């Protein structure tokens, strides 16, 4: 329960920072291009208690 409360607090206050690898590199396109995308949306298990 503590992990859930802490993640909610950090997310709500804007203190959660994006990992460095998630930041786009200079010169990297910011969006997708094309007319067809293979998008899969499904369930994923998440451990929010650490």
C-alpha atoms as a PDB file:
ATOM      1  CA  UNK A   1       0.000   0.000   0.000  1.00  0.00           C
ATOM      2  CA  UNK A   2       2.855   2.399   0.728  1.00  0.00           C
ATOM      3  CA  UNK A   3       4.198   2.003  -2.814  1.00  0.00           C
ATOM      4  CA  UNK A   4       0.796   2.829  -4.276  1.00  0.00           C
ATOM      5  CA  UNK A   5       0.453   5.928  -2.108  1.00  0.00           C
ATOM      6  CA  UNK A   6       3.984   7.108  -2.920  1.00  0.00           C
ATOM      7  CA  UNK A   7       3.562   6.639  -6.668  1.00  0.00           C
ATOM      8  CA  UNK A   8       0.261   8.526  -6.567  1.00  0.00           C
ATOM      9  CA  UNK A   9       1.801  11.350  -4.562  1.00  0.00           C
ATOM     10  CA  UNK A  10       4.852  11.708  -6.809  1.00  0.00           C
ATOM     11  CA  UNK A  11       2.750  11.547  -9.952  1.00  0.00           C
ATOM     12  CA  UNK A  12       0.235  14.045  -8.620  1.00  0.00           C
ATOM     13  CA  UNK A  13       2.876  16.558  -7.600  1.00  0.00           C
ATOM     14  CA  UNK A  14       4.727  16.298 -10.895  1.00  0.00           C
ATOM     15  CA  UNK A  15       7.850  14.954  -9.190  1.00  0.00           C
ATOM     16  CA  UNK A  16       8.005  11.855 -11.372  1.00  0.00           C
ATOM     17  CA  UNK A  17      10.685  12.389 -13.998  1.00  0.00           C
ATOM     18  CA  UNK A  18      10.960  10.620 -17.347  1.00  0.00           C
ATOM     19  CA  UNK A  19      13.917   8.259 -17.638  1.00  0.00           C
ATOM     20  CA  UNK A  20      16.839   9.631 -19.658  1.00  0.00           C
ATOM     21  CA  UNK A  21      16.354   6.984 -22.344  1.00  0.00           C
ATOM     22  CA  UNK A  22      12.796   8.204 -22.945  1.00  0.00           C
ATOM     23  CA  UNK A  23      13.957  11.661 -24.011  1.00  0.00           C
ATOM     24  CA  UNK A  24      14.156  12.114 -27.776  1.00  0.00           C
ATOM     25  CA  UNK A  25      17.583  12.684 -29.287  1.00  0.00           C
ATOM     26  CA  UNK A  26      18.182  15.887 -31.261  1.00  0.00           C
ATOM     27  CA  UNK A  27      17.308  15.291 -34.893  1.00  0.00           C
ATOM     28  CA  UNK A  28      15.011  12.377 -34.082  1.00  0.00           C
ATOM     29  CA  UNK A  29      11.508  12.699 -35.599  1.00  0.00           C
ATOM     30  CA  UNK A  30       8.815  13.566 -33.050  1.00  0.00           C
ATOM     31  CA  UNK A  31       5.971  11.684 -34.683  1.00  0.00           C
ATOM     32  CA  UNK A  32       4.992   8.696 -36.747  1.00  0.00           C
ATOM     33  CA  UNK A  33       4.574   8.869 -40.482  1.00  0.00           C
ATOM     34  CA  UNK A  34       2.832   6.584 -42.923  1.00  0.00           C
ATOM     35  CA  UNK A  35      -0.658   5.237 -43.413  1.00  0.00           C
ATOM     36  CA  UNK A  36      -0.573   1.866 -41.625  1.00  0.00           C
ATOM     37  CA  UNK A  37       0.496   1.009 -38.083  1.00  0.00           C
ATOM     38  CA  UNK A  38       0.563  -2.338 -36.291  1.00  0.00           C
ATOM     39  CA  UNK A  39      -0.698  -1.241 -32.880  1.00  0.00           C
ATOM     40  CA  UNK A  40      -1.284  -3.829 -30.169  1.00  0.00           C
ATOM     41  CA  UNK A  41      -3.135  -2.916 -26.996  1.00  0.00           C
ATOM     42  CA  UNK A  42      -3.290  -5.604 -24.356  1.00  0.00           C
ATOM     43  CA  UNK A  43      -2.952  -6.401 -20.692  1.00  0.00           C
ATOM     44  CA  UNK A  44       0.394  -6.065 -18.957  1.00  0.00           C
ATOM     45  CA  UNK A  45       1.149  -6.990 -15.357  1.00  0.00           C
ATOM     46  CA  UNK A  46       2.571  -4.131 -13.294  1.00  0.00           C
ATOM     47  CA  UNK A  47       4.198  -4.287  -9.857  1.00  0.00           C
ATOM     48  CA  UNK A  48       3.682  -0.886  -8.239  1.00  0.00           C
ATOM     49  CA  UNK A  49       4.751  -1.959  -4.747  1.00  0.00           C
ATOM     50  CA  UNK A  50       8.426  -2.263  -5.617  1.00  0.00           C
END
